[in-house]
Amino acid sequence: MNETAEIGIFGGTGIYDSGLLKDSKEITIDTPYGKTSDSITVGEFNGRNVAFMPRHGKKHTIPPHLINFRANIWAFKELGVKRIIAPSAVGSLKEEFEPGHFALPSQFIDFTKSRKGTFSENGKVIHISVADPFCPELQNVILNVTKEQEIQIHDNCTYICIEGPRFSTKAESKFFRTTGADIIGMTLVPECQLAREAQICYVSISTVTDYDVWAEKPVTAKDVMETLAKNVEMTKKLLTLVIDQIPKIKSCFCETALEEAEF
């Protein structure tokens, strides 16, 4: 396989093609964990080789609980990806996190139920640390870009991941608020922890689309898509600016994650 990429992008809800890459081609990678969500587009952006994959598929046919996260991460690893940027849609658990705002997760609380969240199988036991599950270097790049562009973003957010595909009940949503978490979604776990296990830097740019179901008007899928449609171009602009500012040489700990994780 001749295609390589140093940066990977997982397109979230509303972002099914990057629209960024030159001289691109679509490739398919076989993995030990089955099929990836879709083919991978590999191309060039401002001198950087970039891979793009829509995590729900190009036609949004894969619900969150059926995404093959292991195959997706493994395929990016095979391409040589060192950093992953993962746009996502989230609900707000706080009034000040308004629909249309951006949020930068730094922690997660996992309420998923049936997802495979490790490559540790066949007698090889790995206890990966996710004390800080998102790459601090990439987070700083995003914060610098949003500051330069005067784009509002909520920093240091705690993200609750639920199984989906259903939205929460009112009781669940009110409970989630009591945890102190800021935003809620269905896709970043186990995606981020698998990236850490693969020693790939990972960060998410989250778009707030709704107030979940604790507010007066419960969220609907229509609400989510309408808000995302308004923000998709800004998200793509952010991606281009972030890619430009990612340093060539890492200064984070992500690529040494396995050093103290194996028994």
C-alpha atoms as a PDB file:
ATOM      1  CA  MET A   1       0.000   0.000   0.000  1.00  0.00           C
ATOM      2  CA  ASN A   2       1.601   3.263  -1.156  1.00  0.00           C
ATOM      3  CA  GLU A   3      -0.913   5.685   0.329  1.00  0.00           C
ATOM      4  CA  THR A   4       0.047   7.301   3.605  1.00  0.00           C
ATOM      5  CA  ALA A   5      -1.330  10.094   5.752  1.00  0.00           C
ATOM      6  CA  GLU A   6      -0.042  11.873   8.847  1.00  0.00           C
ATOM      7  CA  ILE A   7      -3.360  13.456   9.853  1.00  0.00           C
ATOM      8  CA  GLY A   8      -6.745  11.722  10.007  1.00  0.00           C
ATOM      9  CA  ILE A   9     -10.195  13.287  10.167  1.00  0.00           C
ATOM     10  CA  PHE A  10     -13.319  11.442  11.277  1.00  0.00           C
ATOM     11  CA  GLY A  11     -16.280  13.253   9.785  1.00  0.00           C
ATOM     12  CA  GLY A  12     -19.155  13.427  12.249  1.00  0.00           C
ATOM     13  CA  THR A  13     -22.874  13.992  11.752  1.00  0.00           C
ATOM     14  CA  GLY A  14     -23.307  16.522   8.944  1.00  0.00           C
ATOM     15  CA  ILE A  15     -19.732  16.194   7.638  1.00  0.00           C
ATOM     16  CA  TYR A  16     -19.642  13.368   5.123  1.00  0.00           C
ATOM     17  CA  ASP A  17     -16.834  14.657   2.901  1.00  0.00           C
ATOM     18  CA  SER A  18     -13.941  16.905   3.829  1.00  0.00           C
ATOM     19  CA  GLY A  19     -14.053  19.147   0.768  1.00  0.00           C
ATOM     20  CA  LEU A  20     -10.447  20.031   1.600  1.00  0.00           C
ATOM     21  CA  LEU A  21      -8.150  17.594  -0.160  1.00  0.00           C
ATOM     22  CA  LYS A  22      -6.285  17.918  -3.460  1.00  0.00           C
ATOM     23  CA  ASP A  23      -5.197  15.036  -5.665  1.00  0.00           C
ATOM     24  CA  SER A  24      -7.376  12.769  -3.563  1.00  0.00           C
ATOM     25  CA  LYS A  25      -8.251   9.143  -4.061  1.00  0.00           C
ATOM     26  CA  GLU A  26     -10.544   6.735  -2.269  1.00  0.00           C
ATOM     27  CA  ILE A  27      -9.092   3.591  -0.794  1.00  0.00           C
ATOM     28  CA  THR A  28     -10.410   0.620   1.147  1.00  0.00           C
ATOM     29  CA  ILE A  29      -8.399  -1.025   3.903  1.00  0.00           C
ATOM     30  CA  ASP A  30      -9.091  -4.514   5.201  1.00  0.00           C
ATOM     31  CA  THR A  31      -8.717  -4.810   8.964  1.00  0.00           C
ATOM     32  CA  PRO A  32      -8.635  -7.691  11.466  1.00  0.00           C
ATOM     33  CA  TYR A  33     -11.745  -6.136  13.022  1.00  0.00           C
ATOM     34  CA  GLY A  34     -13.961  -6.075   9.950  1.00  0.00           C
ATOM     35  CA  LYS A  35     -15.040  -3.262   7.658  1.00  0.00           C
ATOM     36  CA  THR A  36     -14.458   0.415   8.294  1.00  0.00           C
ATOM     37  CA  SER A  37     -17.400   2.821   8.280  1.00  0.00           C
ATOM     38  CA  ASP A  38     -16.693   3.716   4.652  1.00  0.00           C
ATOM     39  CA  SER A  39     -13.869   4.075   2.178  1.00  0.00           C
ATOM     40  CA  ILE A  40     -11.094   6.482   3.153  1.00  0.00           C
ATOM     41  CA  THR A  41     -10.277   9.568   1.106  1.00  0.00           C
ATOM     42  CA  VAL A  42      -6.547  10.293   1.078  1.00  0.00           C
ATOM     43  CA  GLY A  43      -5.170  13.531  -0.329  1.00  0.00           C
ATOM     44  CA  GLU A  44      -3.000  16.578   0.204  1.00  0.00           C
ATOM     45  CA  PHE A  45      -3.760  19.780   2.069  1.00  0.00           C
ATOM     46  CA  ASN A  46      -1.140  22.532   2.180  1.00  0.00           C
ATOM     47  CA  GLY A  47       1.703  20.065   2.021  1.00  0.00           C
ATOM     48  CA  ARG A  48       0.260  17.647   4.588  1.00  0.00           C
ATOM     49  CA  ASN A  49      -1.065  14.200   3.704  1.00  0.00           C
ATOM     50  CA  VAL A  50      -4.545  13.833   5.181  1.00  0.00           C
ATOM     51  CA  ALA A  51      -7.020  10.937   5.422  1.00  0.00           C
ATOM     52  CA  PHE A  52     -10.763  11.447   5.803  1.00  0.00           C
ATOM     53  CA  MET A  53     -13.439   8.951   6.848  1.00  0.00           C
ATOM     54  CA  PRO A  54     -17.115   9.649   7.688  1.00  0.00           C
ATOM     55  CA  ARG A  55     -17.692   7.644  10.867  1.00  0.00           C
ATOM     56  CA  HIS A  56     -21.421   7.190  10.127  1.00  0.00           C
ATOM     57  CA  GLY A  57     -20.809   6.416   6.438  1.00  0.00           C
ATOM     58  CA  LYS A  58     -21.268   8.823   3.523  1.00  0.00           C
ATOM     59  CA  LYS A  59     -25.054   8.438   3.639  1.00  0.00           C
ATOM     60  CA  HIS A  60     -25.302   8.348   7.438  1.00  0.00           C
ATOM     61  CA  THR A  61     -26.374   4.711   7.525  1.00  0.00           C
ATOM     62  CA  ILE A  62     -24.418   3.634  10.625  1.00  0.00           C
ATOM     63  CA  PRO A  63     -25.888   4.546  14.032  1.00  0.00           C
ATOM     64  CA  PRO A  64     -23.476   5.334  16.883  1.00  0.00           C
ATOM     65  CA  HIS A  65     -23.745   1.969  18.632  1.00  0.00           C
ATOM     66  CA  LEU A  66     -22.883   0.083  15.425  1.00  0.00           C
ATOM     67  CA  ILE A  67     -19.804   2.070  14.387  1.00  0.00           C
ATOM     68  CA  ASN A  68     -16.832  -0.259  14.026  1.00  0.00           C
ATOM     69  CA  PHE A  69     -14.495   1.955  16.041  1.00  0.00           C
ATOM     70  CA  ARG A  70     -11.685  -0.599  16.166  1.00  0.00           C
ATOM     71  CA  ALA A  71     -11.613  -1.038  12.395  1.00  0.00           C
ATOM     72  CA  ASN A  72     -11.656   2.721  11.826  1.00  0.00           C
ATOM     73  CA  ILE A  73      -8.756   3.429  14.185  1.00  0.00           C
ATOM     74  CA  TRP A  74      -6.791   0.422  12.947  1.00  0.00           C
ATOM     75  CA  ALA A  75      -7.168   1.596   9.322  1.00  0.00           C
ATOM     76  CA  PHE A  76      -5.864   5.064  10.177  1.00  0.00           C
ATOM     77  CA  LYS A  77      -2.949   3.453  12.009  1.00  0.00           C
ATOM     78  CA  GLU A  78      -2.172   1.377   8.909  1.00  0.00           C
ATOM     79  CA  LEU A  79      -2.027   4.586   6.858  1.00  0.00           C
ATOM     80  CA  GLY A  80       0.535   6.024   9.234  1.00  0.00           C
ATOM     81  CA  VAL A  81      -1.796   8.556  10.832  1.00  0.00           C
ATOM     82  CA  LYS A  82      -0.213  10.241  13.870  1.00  0.00           C
ATOM     83  CA  ARG A  83      -2.951  12.748  14.730  1.00  0.00           C
ATOM     84  CA  ILE A  84      -6.743  12.509  14.533  1.00  0.00           C
ATOM     85  CA  ILE A  85      -9.195  15.410  14.516  1.00  0.00           C
ATOM     86  CA  ALA A  86     -12.754  14.279  15.186  1.00  0.00           C
ATOM     87  CA  PRO A  87     -15.617  16.756  14.713  1.00  0.00           C
ATOM     88  CA  SER A  88     -18.771  15.723  16.571  1.00  0.00           C
ATOM     89  CA  ALA A  89     -22.276  16.896  17.415  1.00  0.00           C
ATOM     90  CA  VAL A  90     -23.147  17.269  21.094  1.00  0.00           C
ATOM     91  CA  GLY A  91     -26.041  18.232  23.294  1.00  0.00           C
ATOM     92  CA  SER A  92     -25.631  20.862  25.991  1.00  0.00           C
ATOM     93  CA  LEU A  93     -26.039  20.118  29.688  1.00  0.00           C
ATOM     94  CA  LYS A  94     -25.552  23.757  30.700  1.00  0.00           C
ATOM     95  CA  GLU A  95     -27.488  26.880  29.769  1.00  0.00           C
ATOM     96  CA  GLU A  96     -24.364  28.808  28.777  1.00  0.00           C
ATOM     97  CA  PHE A  97     -23.450  26.170  26.186  1.00  0.00           C
ATOM     98  CA  GLU A  98     -25.811  27.438  23.511  1.00  0.00           C
ATOM     99  CA  PRO A  99     -26.684  25.689  20.232  1.00  0.00           C
ATOM    100  CA  GLY A 100     -24.196  26.803  17.613  1.00  0.00           C
ATOM    101  CA  HIS A 101     -21.317  27.148  20.073  1.00  0.00           C
ATOM    102  CA  PHE A 102     -18.154  25.072  19.809  1.00  0.00           C
ATOM    103  CA  ALA A 103     -16.851  22.959  22.700  1.00  0.00           C
ATOM    104  CA  LEU A 104     -13.492  21.316  23.342  1.00  0.00           C
ATOM    105  CA  PRO A 105     -13.747  18.090  25.392  1.00  0.00           C
ATOM    106  CA  SER A 106     -10.897  17.294  27.763  1.00  0.00           C
ATOM    107  CA  GLN A 107     -12.558  14.541  29.857  1.00  0.00           C
ATOM    108  CA  PHE A 108     -15.280  11.949  29.324  1.00  0.00           C
ATOM    109  CA  ILE A 109     -17.716   9.911  31.399  1.00  0.00           C
ATOM    110  CA  ASP A 110     -18.672   6.635  29.729  1.00  0.00           C
ATOM    111  CA  PHE A 111     -22.303   5.511  29.802  1.00  0.00           C
ATOM    112  CA  THR A 112     -22.045   3.218  26.774  1.00  0.00           C
ATOM    113  CA  LYS A 113     -23.000  -0.442  27.185  1.00  0.00           C
ATOM    114  CA  SER A 114     -21.951  -2.768  24.390  1.00  0.00           C
ATOM    115  CA  ARG A 115     -18.981  -1.296  22.542  1.00  0.00           C
ATOM    116  CA  LYS A 116     -15.590  -2.934  22.118  1.00  0.00           C
ATOM    117  CA  GLY A 117     -13.139  -0.436  23.533  1.00  0.00           C
ATOM    118  CA  THR A 118      -9.754  -2.148  23.331  1.00  0.00           C
ATOM    119  CA  PHE A 119      -7.422  -3.941  20.954  1.00  0.00           C
ATOM    120  CA  SER A 120      -6.268  -6.028  23.929  1.00  0.00           C
ATOM    121  CA  GLU A 121      -7.122  -9.619  22.958  1.00  0.00           C
ATOM    122  CA  ASN A 122      -5.592 -13.069  22.520  1.00  0.00           C
ATOM    123  CA  GLY A 123      -3.674 -13.119  25.783  1.00  0.00           C
ATOM    124  CA  LYS A 124      -2.206  -9.628  25.490  1.00  0.00           C
ATOM    125  CA  VAL A 125      -3.436  -7.475  28.377  1.00  0.00           C
ATOM    126  CA  ILE A 126      -3.215  -3.694  28.097  1.00  0.00           C
ATOM    127  CA  HIS A 127      -4.388  -1.257  30.758  1.00  0.00           C
ATOM    128  CA  ILE A 128      -4.167   2.032  28.899  1.00  0.00           C
ATOM    129  CA  SER A 129      -4.215   5.287  30.847  1.00  0.00           C
ATOM    130  CA  VAL A 130      -6.901   7.735  29.796  1.00  0.00           C
ATOM    131  CA  ALA A 131      -6.484  10.070  32.752  1.00  0.00           C
ATOM    132  CA  ASP A 132      -6.264  12.788  30.094  1.00  0.00           C
ATOM    133  CA  PRO A 133      -7.936  11.157  27.094  1.00  0.00           C
ATOM    134  CA  PHE A 134      -7.562  13.994  24.573  1.00  0.00           C
ATOM    135  CA  CYS A 135      -4.211  15.166  23.216  1.00  0.00           C
ATOM    136  CA  PRO A 136      -3.126  18.348  25.045  1.00  0.00           C
ATOM    137  CA  GLU A 137      -0.960  19.515  22.152  1.00  0.00           C
ATOM    138  CA  LEU A 138      -3.848  19.345  19.668  1.00  0.00           C
ATOM    139  CA  GLN A 139      -6.156  21.012  22.186  1.00  0.00           C
ATOM    140  CA  ASN A 140      -3.730  23.925  22.431  1.00  0.00           C
ATOM    141  CA  VAL A 141      -3.609  24.226  18.644  1.00  0.00           C
ATOM    142  CA  ILE A 142      -7.409  24.486  18.522  1.00  0.00           C
ATOM    143  CA  LEU A 143      -7.466  27.057  21.325  1.00  0.00           C
ATOM    144  CA  ASN A 144      -4.834  29.154  19.557  1.00  0.00           C
ATOM    145  CA  VAL A 145      -6.756  29.049  16.276  1.00  0.00           C
ATOM    146  CA  THR A 146     -10.094  29.962  17.835  1.00  0.00           C
ATOM    147  CA  LYS A 147      -8.467  32.816  19.758  1.00  0.00           C
ATOM    148  CA  GLU A 148      -6.820  34.191  16.607  1.00  0.00           C
ATOM    149  CA  GLN A 149     -10.087  33.940  14.669  1.00  0.00           C
ATOM    150  CA  GLU A 150     -12.183  35.271  17.575  1.00  0.00           C
ATOM    151  CA  ILE A 151     -14.341  32.139  17.489  1.00  0.00           C
ATOM    152  CA  GLN A 152     -16.082  31.319  20.757  1.00  0.00           C
ATOM    153  CA  ILE A 153     -15.256  27.882  22.118  1.00  0.00           C
ATOM    154  CA  HIS A 154     -15.908  26.356  25.545  1.00  0.00           C
ATOM    155  CA  ASP A 155     -12.673  24.861  26.850  1.00  0.00           C
ATOM    156  CA  ASN A 156     -11.923  22.049  29.307  1.00  0.00           C
ATOM    157  CA  CYS A 157     -15.300  20.352  28.834  1.00  0.00           C
ATOM    158  CA  THR A 158     -16.448  17.051  30.277  1.00  0.00           C
ATOM    159  CA  TYR A 159     -18.263  14.913  27.705  1.00  0.00           C
ATOM    160  CA  ILE A 160     -20.790  12.224  28.599  1.00  0.00           C
ATOM    161  CA  CYS A 161     -21.035   9.440  26.034  1.00  0.00           C
ATOM    162  CA  ILE A 162     -24.283   7.476  25.867  1.00  0.00           C
ATOM    163  CA  GLU A 163     -25.023   4.343  23.877  1.00  0.00           C
ATOM    164  CA  GLY A 164     -27.619   5.755  21.508  1.00  0.00           C
ATOM    165  CA  PRO A 165     -29.109   5.812  19.033  1.00  0.00           C
ATOM    166  CA  ARG A 166     -31.993   7.067  21.175  1.00  0.00           C
ATOM    167  CA  PHE A 167     -31.790  10.352  23.015  1.00  0.00           C
ATOM    168  CA  SER A 168     -31.953  10.449  26.822  1.00  0.00           C
ATOM    169  CA  THR A 169     -35.068  10.406  28.953  1.00  0.00           C
ATOM    170  CA  LYS A 170     -35.734  13.573  30.959  1.00  0.00           C
ATOM    171  CA  ALA A 171     -34.730  11.725  34.124  1.00  0.00           C
ATOM    172  CA  GLU A 172     -31.446  10.621  32.561  1.00  0.00           C
ATOM    173  CA  SER A 173     -30.703  14.082  31.227  1.00  0.00           C
ATOM    174  CA  LYS A 174     -31.329  15.692  34.611  1.00  0.00           C
ATOM    175  CA  PHE A 175     -29.115  13.058  36.238  1.00  0.00           C
ATOM    176  CA  PHE A 176     -26.328  13.711  33.737  1.00  0.00           C
ATOM    177  CA  ARG A 177     -26.461  17.396  34.670  1.00  0.00           C
ATOM    178  CA  THR A 178     -25.812  16.507  38.315  1.00  0.00           C
ATOM    179  CA  THR A 179     -22.471  14.925  37.352  1.00  0.00           C
ATOM    180  CA  GLY A 180     -21.084  18.341  36.460  1.00  0.00           C
ATOM    181  CA  ALA A 181     -20.559  17.323  32.834  1.00  0.00           C
ATOM    182  CA  ASP A 182     -20.948  19.986  30.154  1.00  0.00           C
ATOM    183  CA  ILE A 183     -21.909  18.182  26.950  1.00  0.00           C
ATOM    184  CA  ILE A 184     -23.365  14.861  25.848  1.00  0.00           C
ATOM    185  CA  GLY A 185     -22.905  12.773  22.715  1.00  0.00           C
ATOM    186  CA  MET A 186     -22.778   9.256  21.301  1.00  0.00           C
ATOM    187  CA  THR A 187     -19.506   8.804  19.412  1.00  0.00           C
ATOM    188  CA  LEU A 188     -16.265   9.880  21.106  1.00  0.00           C
ATOM    189  CA  VAL A 189     -16.088   6.778  23.326  1.00  0.00           C
ATOM    190  CA  PRO A 190     -14.459   4.357  22.656  1.00  0.00           C
ATOM    191  CA  GLU A 191     -13.013   6.225  19.668  1.00  0.00           C
ATOM    192  CA  CYS A 192     -10.676   8.387  21.749  1.00  0.00           C
ATOM    193  CA  GLN A 193      -9.448   5.546  23.988  1.00  0.00           C
ATOM    194  CA  LEU A 194      -8.735   3.303  21.002  1.00  0.00           C
ATOM    195  CA  ALA A 195      -6.705   6.122  19.470  1.00  0.00           C
ATOM    196  CA  ARG A 196      -4.708   6.360  22.701  1.00  0.00           C
ATOM    197  CA  GLU A 197      -4.148   2.590  22.674  1.00  0.00           C
ATOM    198  CA  ALA A 198      -2.935   2.933  19.081  1.00  0.00           C
ATOM    199  CA  GLN A 199      -0.644   5.763  20.273  1.00  0.00           C
ATOM    200  CA  ILE A 200      -2.338   8.284  17.986  1.00  0.00           C
ATOM    201  CA  CYS A 201      -3.026  11.838  19.162  1.00  0.00           C
ATOM    202  CA  TYR A 202      -6.768  12.528  19.240  1.00  0.00           C
ATOM    203  CA  VAL A 203      -8.869  15.655  19.685  1.00  0.00           C
ATOM    204  CA  SER A 204     -12.495  16.567  19.039  1.00  0.00           C
ATOM    205  CA  ILE A 205     -14.072  19.813  17.884  1.00  0.00           C
ATOM    206  CA  SER A 206     -17.645  19.511  19.141  1.00  0.00           C
ATOM    207  CA  THR A 207     -20.594  21.533  17.869  1.00  0.00           C
ATOM    208  CA  VAL A 208     -23.399  22.145  20.368  1.00  0.00           C
ATOM    209  CA  THR A 209     -26.665  21.422  18.566  1.00  0.00           C
ATOM    210  CA  ASP A 210     -29.304  21.360  21.320  1.00  0.00           C
ATOM    211  CA  TYR A 211     -30.134  21.380  25.035  1.00  0.00           C
ATOM    212  CA  ASP A 212     -30.601  17.602  25.220  1.00  0.00           C
ATOM    213  CA  VAL A 213     -33.974  16.910  26.933  1.00  0.00           C
ATOM    214  CA  TRP A 214     -33.638  18.679  30.298  1.00  0.00           C
ATOM    215  CA  ALA A 215     -34.770  21.987  28.794  1.00  0.00           C
ATOM    216  CA  GLU A 216     -38.323  22.969  27.907  1.00  0.00           C
ATOM    217  CA  LYS A 217     -38.139  21.605  24.346  1.00  0.00           C
ATOM    218  CA  PRO A 218     -36.616  18.099  24.059  1.00  0.00           C
ATOM    219  CA  VAL A 219     -34.073  17.566  21.303  1.00  0.00           C
ATOM    220  CA  THR A 220     -35.060  16.020  17.959  1.00  0.00           C
ATOM    221  CA  ALA A 221     -32.912  14.734  15.103  1.00  0.00           C
ATOM    222  CA  LYS A 222     -34.294  17.581  12.981  1.00  0.00           C
ATOM    223  CA  ASP A 223     -32.989  20.142  15.489  1.00  0.00           C
ATOM    224  CA  VAL A 224     -29.542  18.581  15.377  1.00  0.00           C
ATOM    225  CA  MET A 225     -29.305  18.617  11.586  1.00  0.00           C
ATOM    226  CA  GLU A 226     -30.577  22.199  11.292  1.00  0.00           C
ATOM    227  CA  THR A 227     -27.928  23.498  13.698  1.00  0.00           C
ATOM    228  CA  LEU A 228     -25.169  21.458  12.067  1.00  0.00           C
ATOM    229  CA  ALA A 229     -26.127  22.761   8.628  1.00  0.00           C
ATOM    230  CA  LYS A 230     -25.571  26.308   9.878  1.00  0.00           C
ATOM    231  CA  ASN A 231     -22.166  25.444  11.339  1.00  0.00           C
ATOM    232  CA  VAL A 232     -20.682  22.998   8.847  1.00  0.00           C
ATOM    233  CA  GLU A 233     -18.719  25.595   6.874  1.00  0.00           C
ATOM    234  CA  MET A 234     -17.264  27.108  10.049  1.00  0.00           C
ATOM    235  CA  THR A 235     -16.263  23.628  11.205  1.00  0.00           C
ATOM    236  CA  LYS A 236     -14.494  22.981   7.902  1.00  0.00           C
ATOM    237  CA  LYS A 237     -12.749  26.359   8.162  1.00  0.00           C
ATOM    238  CA  LEU A 238     -11.574  25.435  11.656  1.00  0.00           C
ATOM    239  CA  LEU A 239     -10.242  22.127  10.346  1.00  0.00           C
ATOM    240  CA  THR A 240      -8.160  23.862   7.673  1.00  0.00           C
ATOM    241  CA  LEU A 241      -6.682  26.334  10.150  1.00  0.00           C
ATOM    242  CA  VAL A 242      -5.953  23.637  12.727  1.00  0.00           C
ATOM    243  CA  ILE A 243      -4.229  21.375  10.184  1.00  0.00           C
ATOM    244  CA  ASP A 244      -2.011  24.294   9.143  1.00  0.00           C
ATOM    245  CA  GLN A 245      -0.868  24.872  12.730  1.00  0.00           C
ATOM    246  CA  ILE A 246      -0.227  21.276  13.810  1.00  0.00           C
ATOM    247  CA  PRO A 247       3.518  21.053  14.488  1.00  0.00           C
ATOM    248  CA  LYS A 248       5.541  18.535  12.523  1.00  0.00           C
ATOM    249  CA  ILE A 249       7.233  17.203  15.668  1.00  0.00           C
ATOM    250  CA  LYS A 250       5.148  16.030  18.617  1.00  0.00           C
ATOM    251  CA  SER A 251       5.657  17.350  22.136  1.00  0.00           C
ATOM    252  CA  CYS A 252       2.928  15.264  23.804  1.00  0.00           C
ATOM    253  CA  PHE A 253       2.868  11.862  25.514  1.00  0.00           C
ATOM    254  CA  CYS A 254       0.373  10.111  23.216  1.00  0.00           C
ATOM    255  CA  GLU A 255       2.861   8.113  21.156  1.00  0.00           C
ATOM    256  CA  THR A 256       4.380   6.515  24.270  1.00  0.00           C
ATOM    257  CA  ALA A 257       1.043   5.454  25.772  1.00  0.00           C
ATOM    258  CA  LEU A 258       1.882   1.737  25.734  1.00  0.00           C
ATOM    259  CA  GLU A 259       5.188   2.005  27.580  1.00  0.00           C
ATOM    260  CA  GLU A 260       3.640   1.504  31.027  1.00  0.00           C
ATOM    261  CA  ALA A 261       0.364  -0.099  29.940  1.00  0.00           C
ATOM    262  CA  GLU A 262       1.347  -3.698  29.206  1.00  0.00           C
ATOM    263  CA  PHE A 263       1.664  -6.524  31.727  1.00  0.00           C
END
